[in-house]
């Protein structure tokens, strides 16, 4: 049996109160979007803050804090935070895992339709994309081998506000597990095209303007 009791920030004996650095109810250092503490001369990053306790988050936030503090920049942290559970199979996710509203679109590709998974006989998994009405990706969940690697491109797409059409337009190597992301994006684009065509047919059937040869 594995019992994970969690972790707490050990800030009680750092003398933060003498530096006007505030902490929350869990003794985590309070920071703004630029990693600055309530003392404008001090920045903080990593597990002493209230941000997700991942190694990759701590590393990126430390880089932002250092550049803001030393170079006088005004960089903000990104809300796009990937997370991976290294079980077998892997579970990777970023952003929303459930539709945040009635207008969000969910596209799921089961790995029985991903040829690399079929070849490796590891089809117990899926790739799921959640997108808004314009195709911007709101989140993704991937279950299967190398899910963390496949998730990386979704993180980049979310960071740069790319759409499913941008992913669908790319050329992917074949066969790879990333085909799940690509096929989910293609499924979303196709569904939107069908919906647009259906809407256009409805408009035509609704008695729109007609043209009669003269």
Protein backbone atom coordinates (compact mmCIF):
# COMPACT_ATOMS: atom_id res chain seq x y z
CA UNK A 1 0.00 0.00 0.00
CA UNK A 2 1.27 3.45 -0.94
CA UNK A 3 0.23 6.41 1.20
CA UNK A 4 0.96 9.91 -0.12
CA UNK A 5 0.54 12.40 2.69
CA UNK A 6 1.35 15.49 0.64
CA UNK A 7 3.92 18.22 1.12
CA UNK A 8 3.91 21.54 2.93
CA UNK A 9 6.08 24.62 2.49
CA UNK A 10 8.68 24.98 5.26
CA UNK A 11 8.66 28.77 5.61
CA UNK A 12 7.95 29.17 9.33
CA UNK A 13 11.55 29.94 10.35
CA UNK A 14 12.68 32.06 7.41
CA UNK A 15 11.86 35.36 9.08
CA UNK A 16 9.49 36.37 6.30
CA UNK A 17 7.47 38.56 8.64
CA UNK A 18 10.51 40.78 9.13
CA UNK A 19 10.76 41.31 5.37
CA UNK A 20 7.07 42.11 4.85
CA UNK A 21 6.63 38.91 2.81
CA UNK A 22 3.12 37.55 3.20
CA UNK A 23 2.11 33.90 3.35
CA UNK A 24 -1.29 32.27 3.00
CA UNK A 25 -3.12 30.01 5.44
CA UNK A 26 -0.82 27.12 4.47
CA UNK A 27 2.36 29.15 5.03
CA UNK A 28 2.97 29.34 1.29
CA UNK A 29 4.58 32.53 0.03
CA UNK A 30 2.12 34.78 -1.79
CA UNK A 31 3.27 35.90 -5.25
CA UNK A 32 1.76 37.90 -8.09
CA UNK A 33 1.68 36.81 -11.76
CA UNK A 34 5.30 37.99 -12.11
CA UNK A 35 6.52 35.82 -9.18
CA UNK A 36 7.08 38.93 -7.05
CA UNK A 37 6.24 38.64 -3.34
CA UNK A 38 4.54 41.33 -1.26
CA UNK A 39 8.04 42.73 -0.76
CA UNK A 40 8.74 44.37 -4.16
CA UNK A 41 12.45 43.49 -3.87
CA UNK A 42 11.90 39.75 -3.42
CA UNK A 43 10.71 37.08 -5.86
CA UNK A 44 9.86 33.46 -5.02
CA UNK A 45 9.42 30.26 -7.02
CA UNK A 46 9.02 26.57 -6.45
CA UNK A 47 7.34 24.60 -3.69
CA UNK A 48 7.40 27.47 -1.19
CA UNK A 49 4.68 29.15 -3.27
CA UNK A 50 1.07 28.11 -3.89
CA UNK A 51 1.75 27.10 -7.50
CA UNK A 52 1.51 23.47 -8.65
CA UNK A 53 4.34 21.44 -7.15
CA UNK A 54 5.94 20.09 -10.29
CA UNK A 55 9.62 20.14 -11.14
CA UNK A 56 8.95 21.68 -14.54
CA UNK A 57 6.80 24.44 -13.00
CA UNK A 58 9.48 25.28 -10.43
CA UNK A 59 12.15 25.44 -13.11
CA UNK A 60 10.20 27.73 -15.43
CA UNK A 61 9.04 29.97 -12.59
CA UNK A 62 12.59 30.24 -11.23
CA UNK A 63 13.77 31.34 -14.67
CA UNK A 64 11.06 34.00 -14.85
CA UNK A 65 11.82 35.18 -11.32
CA UNK A 66 15.54 35.46 -12.07
CA UNK A 67 15.03 37.41 -15.28
CA UNK A 68 12.51 39.75 -13.67
CA UNK A 69 14.75 40.34 -10.64
CA UNK A 70 18.13 40.63 -12.38
CA UNK A 71 17.21 42.04 -15.78
CA UNK A 72 14.28 44.17 -14.67
CA UNK A 73 11.87 42.44 -17.03
CA UNK A 74 8.13 42.21 -16.55
CA UNK A 75 7.46 38.59 -17.52
CA UNK A 76 4.34 36.77 -16.34
CA UNK A 77 3.90 33.09 -15.61
CA UNK A 78 1.72 31.06 -17.95
CA UNK A 79 -1.55 29.47 -16.82
CA UNK A 80 -0.85 26.52 -19.14
CA UNK A 81 0.56 23.84 -16.82
CA UNK A 82 0.95 20.24 -18.05
CA UNK A 83 0.73 17.37 -15.58
CA UNK A 84 1.76 13.75 -16.03
CA UNK A 85 1.25 10.71 -13.81
CA UNK A 86 3.95 8.16 -14.65
CA UNK A 87 1.91 5.01 -14.23
CA UNK A 88 1.43 2.27 -16.80
CA UNK A 89 -0.18 3.52 -18.93
CA UNK A 90 0.81 7.16 -18.46
CA UNK A 91 -1.86 9.76 -17.76
CA UNK A 92 -1.13 13.24 -19.10
CA UNK A 93 -3.37 16.31 -19.05
CA UNK A 94 -3.31 20.06 -19.53
CA UNK A 95 -6.00 22.68 -19.12
CA UNK A 96 -9.63 21.60 -18.95
CA UNK A 97 -10.39 17.89 -18.60
CA UNK A 98 -14.15 18.45 -18.88
CA UNK A 99 -16.04 20.88 -21.12
CA UNK A 100 -16.06 24.24 -19.29
CA UNK A 101 -19.32 25.28 -21.00
CA UNK A 102 -22.11 24.10 -23.25
CA UNK A 103 -20.33 25.40 -26.36
CA UNK A 104 -17.08 23.47 -25.87
CA UNK A 105 -16.34 20.64 -28.27
CA UNK A 106 -14.87 17.31 -27.14
CA UNK A 107 -13.06 15.06 -29.62
CA UNK A 108 -11.84 11.66 -28.44
CA UNK A 109 -9.70 9.22 -30.40
CA UNK A 110 -9.43 5.77 -28.85
CA UNK A 111 -6.05 4.20 -29.40
CA UNK A 112 -7.59 1.25 -31.19
CA UNK A 113 -7.51 3.76 -34.09
CA UNK A 114 -3.88 4.80 -33.56
CA UNK A 115 -1.73 2.50 -35.69
CA UNK A 116 1.38 2.77 -33.50
CA UNK A 117 -0.65 1.62 -30.49
CA UNK A 118 -2.11 -1.20 -32.58
CA UNK A 119 1.38 -2.24 -33.70
CA UNK A 120 2.66 -2.25 -30.10
CA UNK A 121 -0.51 -3.95 -28.82
CA UNK A 122 -1.06 -1.07 -26.35
CA UNK A 123 -4.50 0.12 -27.39
CA UNK A 124 -5.92 0.61 -23.88
CA UNK A 125 -5.91 4.39 -23.99
CA UNK A 126 -7.28 7.48 -25.69
CA UNK A 127 -6.47 11.04 -26.74
CA UNK A 128 -9.03 13.74 -26.02
CA UNK A 129 -9.04 17.40 -27.08
CA UNK A 130 -11.41 20.05 -25.77
CA UNK A 131 -11.83 23.15 -27.94
CA UNK A 132 -13.98 26.25 -27.96
CA UNK A 133 -16.34 27.30 -30.76
CA UNK A 134 -13.48 28.74 -32.83
CA UNK A 135 -11.25 25.69 -32.48
CA UNK A 136 -8.88 27.07 -29.84
CA UNK A 137 -7.73 24.25 -27.59
CA UNK A 138 -8.91 24.53 -23.99
CA UNK A 139 -7.44 21.29 -22.69
CA UNK A 140 -6.36 17.76 -23.44
CA UNK A 141 -6.14 14.37 -21.77
CA UNK A 142 -3.99 11.52 -23.07
CA UNK A 143 -3.86 8.02 -21.61
CA UNK A 144 -1.32 5.60 -23.04
CA UNK A 145 2.39 5.03 -23.62
CA UNK A 146 4.47 8.23 -23.91
CA UNK A 147 1.44 10.34 -23.13
CA UNK A 148 3.66 13.05 -21.66
CA UNK A 149 5.59 13.38 -24.92
CA UNK A 150 2.40 13.54 -26.98
CA UNK A 151 1.01 16.19 -24.66
CA UNK A 152 3.94 18.56 -25.27
CA UNK A 153 2.65 19.74 -28.63
CA UNK A 154 -0.78 20.46 -27.14
CA UNK A 155 0.91 22.59 -24.48
CA UNK A 156 2.67 24.57 -27.22
CA UNK A 157 -0.60 24.95 -29.14
CA UNK A 158 -2.39 26.29 -26.06
CA UNK A 159 0.51 28.60 -25.21
CA UNK A 160 0.29 30.23 -28.65
CA UNK A 161 -3.51 30.09 -28.99
CA UNK A 162 -3.37 27.75 -31.97
CA UNK A 163 -6.49 26.03 -33.27
CA UNK A 164 -7.26 22.44 -34.09
CA UNK A 165 -7.04 23.44 -37.76
CA UNK A 166 -3.39 24.42 -37.22
CA UNK A 167 -2.58 20.97 -35.84
CA UNK A 168 -4.60 19.23 -38.55
CA UNK A 169 -2.68 21.14 -41.23
CA UNK A 170 0.71 19.87 -40.02
CA UNK A 171 2.45 16.78 -41.40
CA UNK A 172 3.05 14.15 -38.73
CA UNK A 173 5.48 11.23 -38.91
CA UNK A 174 3.74 7.89 -39.18
CA UNK A 175 3.14 5.80 -37.20
CA UNK A 176 3.53 7.56 -33.84
CA UNK A 177 1.50 7.88 -30.68
CA UNK A 178 1.10 11.57 -31.51
CA UNK A 179 -1.26 10.48 -34.27
CA UNK A 180 -3.91 10.55 -31.54
CA UNK A 181 -3.54 14.33 -31.19
CA UNK A 182 -3.49 14.81 -34.95
CA UNK A 183 -6.54 12.63 -35.55
CA UNK A 184 -8.47 14.33 -32.76
CA UNK A 185 -7.70 17.70 -34.36
CA UNK A 186 -8.78 16.40 -37.77
CA UNK A 187 -12.01 15.05 -36.24
CA UNK A 188 -12.74 18.49 -34.81
CA UNK A 189 -12.09 20.25 -38.13
CA UNK A 190 -14.28 17.79 -40.02
CA UNK A 191 -17.11 18.17 -37.50
CA UNK A 192 -16.98 21.95 -37.85
CA UNK A 193 -17.04 21.70 -41.63
CA UNK A 194 -20.07 19.41 -41.49
CA UNK A 195 -21.81 21.79 -39.09
CA UNK A 196 -21.08 24.77 -41.37
CA UNK A 197 -22.38 22.87 -44.41
CA UNK A 198 -25.53 21.87 -42.55
CA UNK A 199 -26.11 25.46 -41.43
CA UNK A 200 -25.66 26.67 -45.01
CA UNK A 201 -28.20 24.10 -46.27
CA UNK A 202 -30.67 25.18 -43.61
CA UNK A 203 -30.31 28.80 -44.72
CA UNK A 204 -30.90 27.81 -48.33
CA UNK A 205 -33.94 25.77 -47.39
CA UNK A 206 -35.31 28.61 -45.34
CA UNK A 207 -36.38 30.66 -48.31
CA UNK A 208 -33.30 32.76 -48.97
CA UNK A 209 -32.81 34.85 -52.11
CA UNK A 210 -33.25 33.01 -55.40
CA UNK A 211 -31.96 33.70 -58.89
CA UNK A 212 -33.94 33.08 -62.07
CA UNK A 213 -32.24 33.05 -65.45
CA UNK A 214 -33.36 36.09 -67.47
